[in-house]
Amino acid sequence: MLNRLWLGFFLAAAVAALAQWLVGGNADVFAAIVGALFDMADLSVKVMLLLFGTLTLWLGFLRIAEQAGLVEQVARLLGPLFARLMPEVPRGHPAIGLITLNFAANVLGLDNAATPIGLRAMRELQTLNPSADTASNAQILFLVLNASSLTLLPVTVFMYRAQAGAHDPTLVFLPILLATSASTLVGFLSVAYMQKLRLRDPVVIAWLGGAALLLAGFVALLASLTASALASLSGLLGNLLLFGVIVGFVSVGAYRKVPLFESFVDGAKQGFEVARDLLPYLVAMLCAVGVLRASGALDFALDGIRWLVLHAGLDARFVDALPTALVKPFSGSAARAMLIETMHHSGVDSFAALLSATVQGSTETTFYVVAVYFGAVGIKRVRHTVGCALLADLAGVLASIGVCYWFFG
């Protein structure tokens, strides 16, 4: 899928460039394309410098939390809920702890770090799977929740905004929180419907009802604020929560007598390795997107969509953020490139860039996740996985658009 998508970018750029030259008489388009290749390669290295530090930092702190027993405690806390949602997984099974750690990495926005942990969890679930090539109910629920983007602190999105020069990189914190809540809820309910999970169970009602009440109360509070107050609160809460998590990890680690520095360095080494491996993918996708933009192909497609939206009498500002939304189910690196390119082209705090960042933080690379997670354990029949995950993605995109008009419109 990714090979075809990457090739399609270059072929579309070639067709658009030839049309500009032969029909429009614009021979400078080829110089612009070559220039975009070098500009995007240079931008990729600049982004990676900050990404090295970000992943190294957070995987270091996550390692402290793991050794301090925080992950194990959360796994025990979630045990009764998992027993009802994944009845085929015994209590205390290693898969529960790995699923919890995977969710923790996703909550912190460390999607690249969450992948290796998720693969280990999927292998543990496969040991309980009665069919070697068909996804079990537990595997499907785990994967769809992953694909619904369980993000509370999207630190990589903050990092990309900081690298692009945003005055407050955490400005999109609350929009992402609300949009990802919508995508996760829709993904979970769709799986629950397909698997006929007993949502009326008292334990499930307590967990889901409590989360729903908290979210509803939070939304009610936000609804009473002005747009400027919303933006200020989003930045304040994002920074407070980010620093609070760090202080909490370190404090609990010190109380449990964890060797903080050594643990941090041990986890940080993994972050360096993950970030290093991402550079070739980032260069490849950013250059392809840069060529697509310089050739005029991307603008042509967006202009067509914009015309349809305006013809329907709707506000069309969201159209400029659609590239991120359209490619996100297929490729995380392509969506990341689209986000960076949108900030570079439209301005880091433009409506299009803010919406693109919100979409990036509240949706997931569905087809990539399905291929990698199920491919790692030999699953060929995915059953209702893709449909439920894509429904969650759609909910995340629609919620992102609505929330960004509320916050920044």
Protein backbone atom coordinates (compact mmCIF):
# COMPACT_ATOMS: atom_id res chain seq x y z
CA MET A 1 0.00 0.00 0.00
CA LEU A 2 2.74 2.46 0.96
CA ASN A 3 4.70 1.67 -2.23
CA ARG A 4 1.68 2.49 -4.38
CA LEU A 5 0.92 5.65 -2.42
CA TRP A 6 4.51 6.92 -2.76
CA LEU A 7 4.61 6.10 -6.48
CA GLY A 8 1.23 7.77 -6.93
CA PHE A 9 2.57 11.03 -5.44
CA PHE A 10 5.36 11.19 -8.01
CA LEU A 11 3.18 10.15 -10.96
CA ALA A 12 0.52 12.74 -10.05
CA ALA A 13 3.26 15.37 -9.73
CA ALA A 14 4.66 14.42 -13.15
CA VAL A 15 1.25 14.69 -14.85
CA ALA A 16 0.51 18.04 -13.17
CA ALA A 17 3.94 19.44 -14.08
CA LEU A 18 3.60 18.41 -17.73
CA ALA A 19 0.15 20.02 -17.86
CA GLN A 20 1.52 23.26 -16.42
CA TRP A 21 4.34 23.26 -18.97
CA LEU A 22 2.49 22.14 -22.11
CA VAL A 23 -0.88 23.77 -21.41
CA GLY A 24 -0.07 26.66 -19.13
CA GLY A 25 3.38 27.47 -20.53
CA ASN A 26 4.99 27.38 -17.10
CA ALA A 27 8.46 25.93 -17.68
CA ASP A 28 9.62 27.02 -14.20
CA VAL A 29 7.57 24.27 -12.59
CA PHE A 30 10.42 21.77 -12.98
CA ALA A 31 12.85 24.08 -11.20
CA ALA A 32 10.30 24.42 -8.39
CA ILE A 33 10.00 20.62 -8.13
CA VAL A 34 13.76 20.10 -7.92
CA GLY A 35 14.00 22.90 -5.38
CA ALA A 36 11.24 21.29 -3.31
CA LEU A 37 13.20 18.02 -3.20
CA PHE A 38 16.21 19.68 -1.62
CA ASP A 39 14.10 21.89 0.66
CA MET A 40 12.15 18.92 2.02
CA ALA A 41 15.31 16.84 2.51
CA ASP A 42 16.76 19.71 4.55
CA LEU A 43 13.52 20.09 6.52
CA SER A 44 13.50 16.35 7.28
CA VAL A 45 16.88 16.54 9.00
CA LYS A 46 15.79 19.57 11.05
CA VAL A 47 12.64 17.78 12.18
CA MET A 48 14.60 14.65 13.05
CA LEU A 49 16.97 16.55 15.32
CA LEU A 50 14.06 17.47 17.59
CA LEU A 51 12.42 14.06 17.17
CA PHE A 52 15.61 12.37 18.44
CA GLY A 53 15.37 14.38 21.63
CA THR A 54 11.61 13.97 22.07
CA LEU A 55 11.51 10.17 21.74
CA THR A 56 14.66 9.78 23.81
CA LEU A 57 13.19 11.96 26.56
CA TRP A 58 9.81 10.25 26.81
CA LEU A 59 10.98 6.67 26.49
CA GLY A 60 13.40 7.42 29.29
CA PHE A 61 10.61 8.62 31.57
CA LEU A 62 8.37 5.73 30.50
CA ARG A 63 11.11 3.30 31.54
CA ILE A 64 11.17 4.89 35.02
CA ALA A 65 7.38 4.46 35.28
CA GLU A 66 7.68 0.82 34.25
CA GLN A 67 10.39 0.01 36.81
CA ALA A 68 8.52 1.95 39.51
CA GLY A 69 5.60 -0.46 39.09
CA LEU A 70 3.16 2.16 37.80
CA VAL A 71 2.36 0.10 34.71
CA GLU A 72 1.75 -3.02 36.79
CA GLN A 73 -0.54 -1.10 39.15
CA VAL A 74 -2.58 0.27 36.27
CA ALA A 75 -2.82 -3.26 34.83
CA ARG A 76 -4.22 -4.52 38.15
CA LEU A 77 -6.63 -1.60 38.28
CA LEU A 78 -7.87 -2.34 34.78
CA GLY A 79 -8.01 -6.09 35.42
CA PRO A 80 -11.76 -6.25 36.22
CA LEU A 81 -12.58 -4.18 33.11
CA PHE A 82 -10.38 -6.28 30.82
CA ALA A 83 -11.96 -9.44 32.26
CA ARG A 84 -15.30 -8.30 30.85
CA LEU A 85 -14.08 -6.78 27.59
CA MET A 86 -11.62 -9.61 26.85
CA PRO A 87 -13.15 -12.61 28.66
CA GLU A 88 -10.85 -15.06 26.86
CA VAL A 89 -7.76 -13.46 28.44
CA PRO A 90 -7.09 -14.82 31.99
CA ARG A 91 -6.50 -12.35 34.79
CA GLY A 92 -2.81 -11.75 35.40
CA HIS A 93 -1.87 -12.87 31.88
CA PRO A 94 1.27 -11.09 30.53
CA ALA A 95 -0.82 -9.66 27.67
CA ILE A 96 -2.69 -7.38 30.11
CA GLY A 97 0.48 -5.66 31.31
CA LEU A 98 1.80 -5.26 27.77
CA ILE A 99 -1.55 -3.87 26.57
CA THR A 100 -1.46 -1.38 29.45
CA LEU A 101 2.10 -0.33 28.61
CA ASN A 102 1.14 0.01 24.94
CA PHE A 103 -1.82 2.20 25.86
CA ALA A 104 0.45 4.28 28.12
CA ALA A 105 2.84 4.94 25.23
CA ASN A 106 -0.10 5.84 22.99
CA VAL A 107 -1.59 8.13 25.64
CA LEU A 108 1.73 10.00 25.72
CA GLY A 109 1.64 10.29 21.94
CA LEU A 110 4.66 8.01 21.46
CA ASP A 111 3.14 6.06 18.57
CA ASN A 112 6.53 4.82 17.30
CA ALA A 113 7.50 3.60 20.75
CA ALA A 114 4.08 1.98 21.26
CA THR A 115 4.48 -0.24 18.21
CA PRO A 116 7.16 -2.65 19.53
CA ILE A 117 5.27 -2.95 22.83
CA GLY A 118 2.03 -3.58 20.95
CA LEU A 119 3.65 -6.30 18.89
CA ARG A 120 4.69 -8.09 22.07
CA ALA A 121 1.13 -7.79 23.38
CA MET A 122 -0.28 -9.16 20.13
CA ARG A 123 2.05 -12.18 20.33
CA GLU A 124 0.87 -12.89 23.88
CA LEU A 125 -2.76 -12.68 22.75
CA GLN A 126 -1.93 -15.04 19.89
CA THR A 127 -0.93 -17.70 22.44
CA LEU A 128 -4.57 -17.70 23.56
CA ASN A 129 -6.00 -17.65 20.04
CA PRO A 130 -7.66 -20.98 19.09
CA SER A 131 -7.23 -20.17 15.36
CA ALA A 132 -3.75 -19.52 14.00
CA ASP A 133 -4.84 -17.38 11.04
CA THR A 134 -8.07 -15.70 12.26
CA ALA A 135 -8.12 -12.70 14.57
CA SER A 136 -9.62 -13.35 18.00
CA ASN A 137 -12.10 -10.99 19.65
CA ALA A 138 -9.44 -9.80 22.11
CA GLN A 139 -6.96 -9.10 19.31
CA ILE A 140 -9.57 -7.14 17.36
CA LEU A 141 -10.54 -5.00 20.35
CA PHE A 142 -6.90 -4.31 21.17
CA LEU A 143 -6.10 -3.36 17.59
CA VAL A 144 -9.16 -1.14 17.08
CA LEU A 145 -8.45 0.74 20.31
CA ASN A 146 -4.90 1.23 19.02
CA ALA A 147 -6.23 2.41 15.67
CA SER A 148 -8.61 4.86 17.37
CA SER A 149 -5.61 6.90 18.60
CA LEU A 150 -5.67 6.71 22.40
CA THR A 151 -3.84 10.03 22.81
CA LEU A 152 -3.89 12.21 25.91
CA LEU A 153 -0.52 13.93 25.50
CA PRO A 154 0.37 14.12 21.78
CA VAL A 155 3.98 15.10 22.45
CA THR A 156 5.13 14.37 18.89
CA VAL A 157 2.51 16.77 17.52
CA PHE A 158 3.69 19.36 20.06
CA MET A 159 7.23 18.71 18.89
CA TYR A 160 6.39 19.28 15.21
CA ARG A 161 4.65 22.54 16.11
CA ALA A 162 7.61 23.65 18.22
CA GLN A 163 10.02 22.86 15.38
CA ALA A 164 7.84 24.93 13.02
CA GLY A 165 8.11 27.93 15.34
CA ALA A 166 4.74 27.85 17.12
CA HIS A 167 4.48 30.36 19.98
CA ASP A 168 2.59 27.77 22.06
CA PRO A 169 3.12 24.21 20.74
CA THR A 170 0.45 22.80 23.12
CA LEU A 171 -2.35 25.01 21.74
CA VAL A 172 -4.02 21.98 20.13
CA PHE A 173 -4.06 19.94 23.35
CA LEU A 174 -7.79 20.27 24.13
CA PRO A 175 -8.97 19.89 20.50
CA ILE A 176 -6.97 16.66 20.19
CA LEU A 177 -8.28 15.40 23.54
CA LEU A 178 -11.89 15.93 22.48
CA ALA A 179 -11.43 14.56 18.95
CA THR A 180 -9.55 11.46 20.08
CA SER A 181 -12.23 10.81 22.71
CA ALA A 182 -14.78 10.72 19.89
CA SER A 183 -12.69 8.37 17.74
CA THR A 184 -11.94 6.01 20.64
CA LEU A 185 -15.59 5.93 21.75
CA VAL A 186 -16.85 5.15 18.24
CA GLY A 187 -14.17 2.49 17.74
CA PHE A 188 -14.97 0.82 21.05
CA LEU A 189 -18.75 0.89 20.56
CA SER A 190 -18.47 -0.51 17.03
CA VAL A 191 -16.41 -3.47 18.30
CA ALA A 192 -18.77 -3.93 21.24
CA TYR A 193 -21.69 -4.12 18.81
CA MET A 194 -19.95 -6.63 16.54
CA GLN A 195 -18.79 -8.83 19.44
CA LYS A 196 -21.98 -8.41 21.48
CA LEU A 197 -20.05 -7.35 24.56
CA ARG A 198 -22.12 -7.00 27.74
CA LEU A 199 -21.89 -3.23 28.22
CA ARG A 200 -24.62 -3.37 30.88
CA ASP A 201 -22.25 -5.13 33.26
CA PRO A 202 -21.87 -3.01 36.46
CA VAL A 203 -18.07 -2.85 36.14
CA VAL A 204 -18.24 -1.74 32.49
CA ILE A 205 -20.99 0.79 33.30
CA ALA A 206 -18.92 2.18 36.17
CA TRP A 207 -15.83 2.67 33.98
CA LEU A 208 -17.58 3.93 30.85
CA GLY A 209 -20.17 5.94 32.75
CA GLY A 210 -17.53 7.60 34.88
CA ALA A 211 -15.44 8.48 31.84
CA ALA A 212 -18.53 9.81 30.03
CA LEU A 213 -19.55 11.97 32.99
CA LEU A 214 -16.06 13.41 33.32
CA LEU A 215 -15.90 14.18 29.62
CA ALA A 216 -19.41 15.67 29.58
CA GLY A 217 -18.62 17.88 32.56
CA PHE A 218 -15.38 18.97 30.94
CA VAL A 219 -17.14 19.82 27.67
CA ALA A 220 -19.82 21.75 29.61
CA LEU A 221 -17.07 23.77 31.28
CA LEU A 222 -15.41 24.48 27.95
CA ALA A 223 -18.73 25.53 26.41
CA SER A 224 -18.94 28.39 28.92
CA LEU A 225 -15.62 29.90 27.78
CA THR A 226 -14.85 32.31 24.97
CA ALA A 227 -12.67 31.30 22.01
CA SER A 228 -9.65 33.19 23.38
CA ALA A 229 -10.11 31.63 26.81
CA LEU A 230 -10.35 28.18 25.22
CA ALA A 231 -7.06 28.68 23.41
CA SER A 232 -5.35 29.91 26.58
CA LEU A 233 -6.75 27.05 28.68
CA SER A 234 -5.65 24.48 26.10
CA GLY A 235 -2.06 25.68 26.23
CA LEU A 236 -2.04 25.93 30.04
CA LEU A 237 -3.51 22.48 30.64
CA GLY A 238 -1.27 20.90 28.03
CA ASN A 239 1.88 22.27 29.66
CA LEU A 240 0.72 21.54 33.21
CA LEU A 241 -0.22 17.96 32.41
CA LEU A 242 2.96 17.36 30.47
CA PHE A 243 5.15 18.53 33.33
CA GLY A 244 2.91 16.88 35.93
CA VAL A 245 3.37 13.47 34.30
CA ILE A 246 7.16 13.90 34.38
CA VAL A 247 7.15 14.94 38.07
CA GLY A 248 4.80 12.07 38.91
CA PHE A 249 6.99 9.46 37.20
CA VAL A 250 10.16 10.74 38.86
CA SER A 251 8.56 11.13 42.31
CA VAL A 252 7.08 7.62 42.35
CA GLY A 253 10.35 6.22 41.01
CA ALA A 254 12.31 7.91 43.78
CA TYR A 255 9.83 6.65 46.41
CA ARG A 256 10.20 3.09 45.07
CA LYS A 257 14.00 3.49 45.11
CA VAL A 258 14.34 3.09 41.35
CA PRO A 259 17.79 4.13 40.04
CA LEU A 260 16.31 7.11 38.19
CA PHE A 261 19.26 8.17 36.09
CA GLU A 262 20.22 4.65 35.02
CA SER A 263 16.61 3.76 34.20
CA PHE A 264 16.14 6.94 32.20
CA VAL A 265 19.28 6.30 30.17
CA ASP A 266 18.24 2.69 29.54
CA GLY A 267 14.89 3.78 28.14
CA ALA A 268 16.40 6.73 26.30
CA LYS A 269 18.66 4.40 24.32
CA GLN A 270 15.55 2.81 22.83
CA GLY A 271 14.25 6.26 21.84
CA PHE A 272 17.46 7.02 19.99
CA GLU A 273 17.19 3.78 18.04
CA VAL A 274 13.51 4.36 17.14
CA ALA A 275 14.14 7.93 15.97
CA ARG A 276 17.20 6.92 13.94
CA ASP A 277 15.20 4.33 12.03
CA LEU A 278 12.52 6.92 11.16
CA LEU A 279 14.77 9.30 9.20
CA PRO A 280 14.72 7.47 5.83
CA TYR A 281 10.92 7.23 5.93
CA LEU A 282 10.54 10.90 6.81
CA VAL A 283 12.88 12.02 3.99
CA ALA A 284 11.06 9.79 1.48
CA MET A 285 7.57 11.02 2.34
CA LEU A 286 8.41 14.71 2.84
CA CYS A 287 10.17 14.84 -0.54
CA ALA A 288 7.20 13.13 -2.24
CA VAL A 289 4.75 15.58 -0.66
CA GLY A 290 6.98 18.54 -1.53
CA VAL A 291 7.08 17.44 -5.17
CA LEU A 292 3.29 17.01 -5.15
CA ARG A 293 2.82 20.56 -3.84
CA ALA A 294 5.42 22.17 -6.13
CA SER A 295 3.90 20.55 -9.23
CA GLY A 296 0.50 22.04 -8.47
CA ALA A 297 -1.19 18.61 -8.22
CA LEU A 298 -2.10 18.97 -4.55
CA ASP A 299 -3.46 22.50 -4.99
CA PHE A 300 -5.50 21.35 -8.01
CA ALA A 301 -7.12 18.54 -6.03
CA LEU A 302 -7.83 20.79 -3.05
CA ASP A 303 -9.29 23.49 -5.30
CA GLY A 304 -11.72 20.93 -6.71
CA ILE A 305 -12.85 19.87 -3.23
CA ARG A 306 -13.03 23.51 -2.12
CA TRP A 307 -15.29 24.34 -5.08
CA LEU A 308 -17.67 21.53 -4.12
CA VAL A 309 -17.74 22.65 -0.48
CA LEU A 310 -18.38 26.30 -1.37
CA HIS A 311 -21.02 25.23 -3.90
CA ALA A 312 -22.80 23.48 -1.03
CA GLY A 313 -22.75 26.73 0.95
CA LEU A 314 -20.26 25.56 3.59
CA ASP A 315 -17.11 27.10 5.05
CA ALA A 316 -14.15 25.69 3.11
CA ARG A 317 -11.23 26.52 5.40
CA PHE A 318 -11.01 22.91 6.55
CA VAL A 319 -10.17 21.74 3.02
CA ASP A 320 -6.49 22.73 3.33
CA ALA A 321 -6.11 20.21 6.19
CA LEU A 322 -7.68 17.32 4.28
CA PRO A 323 -4.38 15.92 2.90
CA THR A 324 -3.40 14.80 6.39
CA ALA A 325 -6.82 13.23 6.97
CA LEU A 326 -6.92 11.45 3.61
CA VAL A 327 -3.52 9.75 3.86
CA LYS A 328 -3.49 9.03 7.62
CA PRO A 329 -5.27 5.63 7.37
CA PHE A 330 -2.63 4.49 4.86
CA SER A 331 0.65 5.89 6.17
CA GLY A 332 1.77 7.63 9.34
CA SER A 333 4.90 8.96 7.65
CA ALA A 334 2.84 10.39 4.78
CA ALA A 335 0.41 12.06 7.20
CA ARG A 336 3.32 13.39 9.24
CA ALA A 337 4.81 14.81 6.05
CA MET A 338 1.47 16.38 5.11
CA LEU A 339 1.21 18.01 8.56
CA ILE A 340 4.73 19.40 8.40
CA GLU A 341 4.23 20.62 4.85
CA THR A 342 0.90 22.28 5.74
CA MET A 343 2.53 24.15 8.63
CA HIS A 344 5.41 25.10 6.33
CA HIS A 345 3.08 26.28 3.56
CA SER A 346 0.16 27.88 5.45
CA GLY A 347 1.80 28.96 8.70
CA VAL A 348 2.12 26.99 11.92
CA ASP A 349 -0.81 28.74 13.64
CA SER A 350 -3.09 28.98 10.62
CA PHE A 351 -6.49 27.30 10.81
CA ALA A 352 -5.37 24.65 8.30
CA ALA A 353 -2.24 23.82 10.31
CA LEU A 354 -4.11 23.67 13.63
CA LEU A 355 -6.76 21.38 12.14
CA SER A 356 -4.12 19.24 10.46
CA ALA A 357 -2.33 18.86 13.81
CA THR A 358 -5.61 17.92 15.51
CA VAL A 359 -6.35 15.27 12.87
CA GLN A 360 -2.80 13.93 13.20
CA GLY A 361 -3.24 13.56 16.96
CA SER A 362 -6.73 11.99 16.90
CA THR A 363 -6.54 9.43 14.07
CA GLU A 364 -4.31 6.47 13.34
CA THR A 365 -2.67 4.63 10.44
CA THR A 366 -5.32 1.93 10.23
CA PHE A 367 -3.98 -0.14 7.34
CA TYR A 368 -0.40 0.07 8.62
CA VAL A 369 -1.43 -1.01 12.12
CA VAL A 370 -3.51 -3.90 10.77
CA ALA A 371 -0.73 -5.06 8.46
CA VAL A 372 2.06 -4.83 11.06
CA TYR A 373 0.24 -6.15 14.13
CA PHE A 374 -1.60 -9.00 12.45
CA GLY A 375 1.25 -9.75 10.06
CA ALA A 376 3.59 -10.24 13.03
CA VAL A 377 1.49 -13.18 14.27
CA GLY A 378 0.37 -14.60 10.93
CA ILE A 379 -3.26 -13.44 11.05
CA LYS A 380 -4.88 -13.51 7.59
CA ARG A 381 -8.60 -13.21 8.39
CA VAL A 382 -9.11 -9.89 10.19
CA ARG A 383 -12.92 -10.14 10.39
CA HIS A 384 -14.51 -6.81 11.40
CA THR A 385 -11.24 -5.09 12.34
CA VAL A 386 -10.84 -2.74 9.35
CA GLY A 387 -14.46 -1.59 9.27
CA CYS A 388 -14.50 -0.68 12.98
CA ALA A 389 -11.09 1.04 12.78
CA LEU A 390 -12.03 3.12 9.72
CA LEU A 391 -15.27 4.15 11.44
CA ALA A 392 -13.17 5.38 14.37
CA ASP A 393 -10.92 7.32 11.96
CA LEU A 394 -13.93 8.98 10.33
CA ALA A 395 -15.27 9.98 13.74
CA GLY A 396 -11.88 11.46 14.62
CA VAL A 397 -11.71 13.53 11.42
CA LEU A 398 -15.28 14.86 11.74
CA ALA A 399 -14.78 15.63 15.43
CA SER A 400 -11.48 17.40 14.65
CA ILE A 401 -13.19 19.66 12.11
CA GLY A 402 -16.04 20.51 14.49
CA VAL A 403 -13.78 21.08 17.51
CA CYS A 404 -11.32 23.29 15.57
CA TYR A 405 -14.15 25.51 14.32
CA TRP A 406 -15.27 25.75 17.94
CA PHE A 407 -11.80 26.60 19.28
CA PHE A 408 -10.17 28.52 16.41
CA GLY A 409 -13.04 29.46 14.09
